[in-house]
C-alpha atoms as a PDB file:
ATOM      1  CA  UNK A   1      -7.203  16.146   2.080  1.00  0.00           C
ATOM      2  CA  UNK A   2      -4.395  13.750   0.787  1.00  0.00           C
ATOM      3  CA  UNK A   3      -5.000  10.856  -1.506  1.00  0.00           C
ATOM      4  CA  UNK A   4      -4.441   7.713   0.778  1.00  0.00           C
ATOM      5  CA  UNK A   5      -4.725   3.848   0.616  1.00  0.00           C
ATOM      6  CA  UNK A   6      -4.268   1.320   3.490  1.00  0.00           C
ATOM      7  CA  UNK A   7      -1.170  -0.876   3.820  1.00  0.00           C
ATOM      8  CA  UNK A   8      -0.481  -3.643   6.158  1.00  0.00           C
ATOM      9  CA  UNK A   9       1.347  -6.989   6.492  1.00  0.00           C
ATOM     10  CA  UNK A  10      -0.135 -10.405   5.819  1.00  0.00           C
ATOM     11  CA  UNK A  11      -0.053 -12.643   8.817  1.00  0.00           C
ATOM     12  CA  UNK A  12       0.436 -15.849   6.825  1.00  0.00           C
ATOM     13  CA  UNK A  13       3.880 -14.692   5.585  1.00  0.00           C
ATOM     14  CA  UNK A  14       4.532 -11.158   6.378  1.00  0.00           C
ATOM     15  CA  UNK A  15       4.468  -9.731   2.932  1.00  0.00           C
ATOM     16  CA  UNK A  16       3.221  -6.306   2.421  1.00  0.00           C
ATOM     17  CA  UNK A  17      -0.464  -5.866   1.200  1.00  0.00           C
ATOM     18  CA  UNK A  18      -2.771  -3.180   0.261  1.00  0.00           C
ATOM     19  CA  UNK A  19      -6.449  -2.945   0.871  1.00  0.00           C
ATOM     20  CA  UNK A  20      -8.393  -3.292  -2.283  1.00  0.00           C
ATOM     21  CA  UNK A  21     -11.724  -1.783  -3.729  1.00  0.00           C
ATOM     22  CA  UNK A  22     -13.247  -5.408  -3.217  1.00  0.00           C
ATOM     23  CA  UNK A  23     -12.046  -5.242   0.520  1.00  0.00           C
ATOM     24  CA  UNK A  24      -9.388  -7.944  -0.068  1.00  0.00           C
ATOM     25  CA  UNK A  25      -5.779  -7.624   0.198  1.00  0.00           C
ATOM     26  CA  UNK A  26      -3.414  -7.505  -2.567  1.00  0.00           C
ATOM     27  CA  UNK A  27       0.425  -7.451  -2.791  1.00  0.00           C
ATOM     28  CA  UNK A  28       0.195  -5.060  -5.714  1.00  0.00           C
ATOM     29  CA  UNK A  29      -0.032  -1.410  -4.678  1.00  0.00           C
ATOM     30  CA  UNK A  30      -1.858  -0.527  -7.800  1.00  0.00           C
ATOM     31  CA  UNK A  31      -4.862  -2.603  -6.653  1.00  0.00           C
ATOM     32  CA  UNK A  32      -5.244  -0.354  -3.723  1.00  0.00           C
ATOM     33  CA  UNK A  33      -8.684   1.349  -2.741  1.00  0.00           C
ATOM     34  CA  UNK A  34      -7.718   5.025  -2.936  1.00  0.00           C
ATOM     35  CA  UNK A  35      -9.797   7.585  -0.891  1.00  0.00           C
ATOM     36  CA  UNK A  36      -9.647  11.374  -0.743  1.00  0.00           C
ATOM     37  CA  UNK A  37     -11.617  12.452   2.222  1.00  0.00           C
ATOM     38  CA  UNK A  38     -11.168  12.055   5.927  1.00  0.00           C
ATOM     39  CA  UNK A  39     -14.425  10.182   6.235  1.00  0.00           C
ATOM     40  CA  UNK A  40     -13.442   7.648   3.526  1.00  0.00           C
ATOM     41  CA  UNK A  41     -10.025   7.244   5.260  1.00  0.00           C
ATOM     42  CA  UNK A  42     -11.594   6.226   8.577  1.00  0.00           C
ATOM     43  CA  UNK A  43     -13.911   4.035   6.822  1.00  0.00           C
ATOM     44  CA  UNK A  44     -11.063   2.341   5.057  1.00  0.00           C
ATOM     45  CA  UNK A  45      -9.173   1.931   8.340  1.00  0.00           C
ATOM     46  CA  UNK A  46     -12.220   0.492  10.058  1.00  0.00           C
ATOM     47  CA  UNK A  47     -12.331  -2.148   7.282  1.00  0.00           C
ATOM     48  CA  UNK A  48      -8.728  -2.893   7.772  1.00  0.00           C
ATOM     49  CA  UNK A  49      -9.296  -3.512  11.471  1.00  0.00           C
ATOM     50  CA  UNK A  50     -11.804  -6.050  10.589  1.00  0.00           C
ATOM     51  CA  UNK A  51      -9.168  -7.908   8.665  1.00  0.00           C
ATOM     52  CA  UNK A  52      -6.858  -7.684  11.875  1.00  0.00           C
ATOM     53  CA  UNK A  53      -9.661  -9.217  14.022  1.00  0.00           C
ATOM     54  CA  UNK A  54      -9.956 -12.009  11.516  1.00  0.00           C
ATOM     55  CA  UNK A  55      -6.171 -12.483  11.730  1.00  0.00           C
ATOM     56  CA  UNK A  56      -5.558 -11.883   7.988  1.00  0.00           C
ATOM     57  CA  UNK A  57      -3.231  -8.608   8.535  1.00  0.00           C
ATOM     58  CA  UNK A  58      -1.374  -6.868  11.180  1.00  0.00           C
ATOM     59  CA  UNK A  59      -0.639  -3.125  11.741  1.00  0.00           C
ATOM     60  CA  UNK A  60      -2.841  -1.437   8.955  1.00  0.00           C
ATOM     61  CA  UNK A  61      -2.255   2.217   8.421  1.00  0.00           C
ATOM     62  CA  UNK A  62      -2.733   4.863   5.862  1.00  0.00           C
ATOM     63  CA  UNK A  63      -0.181   5.837   3.393  1.00  0.00           C
ATOM     64  CA  UNK A  64      -0.196   8.710   1.055  1.00  0.00           C
ATOM     65  CA  UNK A  65      -0.474   7.828  -2.726  1.00  0.00           C
ATOM     66  CA  UNK A  66      -0.564   9.437  -6.066  1.00  0.00           C
ATOM     67  CA  UNK A  67      -3.327   8.071  -8.221  1.00  0.00           C
ATOM     68  CA  UNK A  68      -2.294   8.873 -11.754  1.00  0.00           C
ATOM     69  CA  UNK A  69      -4.127   7.104 -14.439  1.00  0.00           C
ATOM     70  CA  UNK A  70      -5.937   5.052 -12.006  1.00  0.00           C
ATOM     71  CA  UNK A  71      -3.005   3.409 -10.632  1.00  0.00           C
ATOM     72  CA  UNK A  72      -1.778   4.278  -7.051  1.00  0.00           C
ATOM     73  CA  UNK A  73       1.854   4.534  -6.046  1.00  0.00           C
ATOM     74  CA  UNK A  74       3.312   5.679  -2.653  1.00  0.00           C
ATOM     75  CA  UNK A  75       4.799   9.021  -2.262  1.00  0.00           C
ATOM     76  CA  UNK A  76       7.077   8.332   0.531  1.00  0.00           C
ATOM     77  CA  UNK A  77      10.451   6.624  -0.234  1.00  0.00           C
ATOM     78  CA  UNK A  78       9.768   4.170   2.583  1.00  0.00           C
ATOM     79  CA  UNK A  79       6.601   3.038   1.141  1.00  0.00           C
ATOM     80  CA  UNK A  80       7.859   2.913  -2.497  1.00  0.00           C
ATOM     81  CA  UNK A  81      10.490   0.379  -1.176  1.00  0.00           C
ATOM     82  CA  UNK A  82       7.805  -1.580   0.619  1.00  0.00           C
ATOM     83  CA  UNK A  83       5.651  -1.645  -2.570  1.00  0.00           C
ATOM     84  CA  UNK A  84       8.512  -2.481  -4.734  1.00  0.00           C
ATOM     85  CA  UNK A  85       9.250  -5.657  -2.730  1.00  0.00           C
ATOM     86  CA  UNK A  86      12.528  -6.871  -1.097  1.00  0.00           C
ATOM     87  CA  UNK A  87      15.465  -4.624  -2.355  1.00  0.00           C
ATOM     88  CA  UNK A  88      16.850  -7.758  -4.182  1.00  0.00           C
ATOM     89  CA  UNK A  89      13.740  -7.275  -6.714  1.00  0.00           C
ATOM     90  CA  UNK A  90      13.839  -3.620  -6.872  1.00  0.00           C
ATOM     91  CA  UNK A  91      14.200  -3.503 -10.716  1.00  0.00           C
ATOM     92  CA  UNK A  92      10.354  -4.147 -10.952  1.00  0.00           C
ATOM     93  CA  UNK A  93       9.535  -0.718  -9.502  1.00  0.00           C
ATOM     94  CA  UNK A  94       7.301   1.332 -11.943  1.00  0.00           C
ATOM     95  CA  UNK A  95       7.830   4.718 -13.840  1.00  0.00           C
ATOM     96  CA  UNK A  96      11.669   4.885 -13.808  1.00  0.00           C
ATOM     97  CA  UNK A  97      11.978   4.946  -9.925  1.00  0.00           C
ATOM     98  CA  UNK A  98      14.454   2.008  -9.985  1.00  0.00           C
ATOM     99  CA  UNK A  99      17.578   4.413  -9.890  1.00  0.00           C
ATOM    100  CA  UNK A 100      16.114   6.330  -6.858  1.00  0.00           C
ATOM    101  CA  UNK A 101      15.214   3.059  -4.975  1.00  0.00           C
ATOM    102  CA  UNK A 102      18.582   1.412  -5.777  1.00  0.00           C
ATOM    103  CA  UNK A 103      20.263   4.614  -4.103  1.00  0.00           C
ATOM    104  CA  UNK A 104      18.266   4.135  -0.864  1.00  0.00           C
ATOM    105  CA  UNK A 105      18.816   0.394  -0.804  1.00  0.00           C
END
């Protein structure tokens, strides 16, 4: 099973958000509730769907993440860009990923 988290977009302003351990939504990927089993992933998506029903977020889905030192970071380039924020602010990406992200942007 992959290590995964849930991402979506906030309805209030369209920003990228990540489902947290507390069941809230954070714009910081490192706050993500990370799961490692299919059952946990299903439960996490169900939790996210409740936020859709409450009109908090739209289009939640699972992303694969690394979970090093208790801090989640997306594995796919697309999700890394989403997590780093608009490409104009890409210099804030963690762990030396800035150069790679700028090449994509």
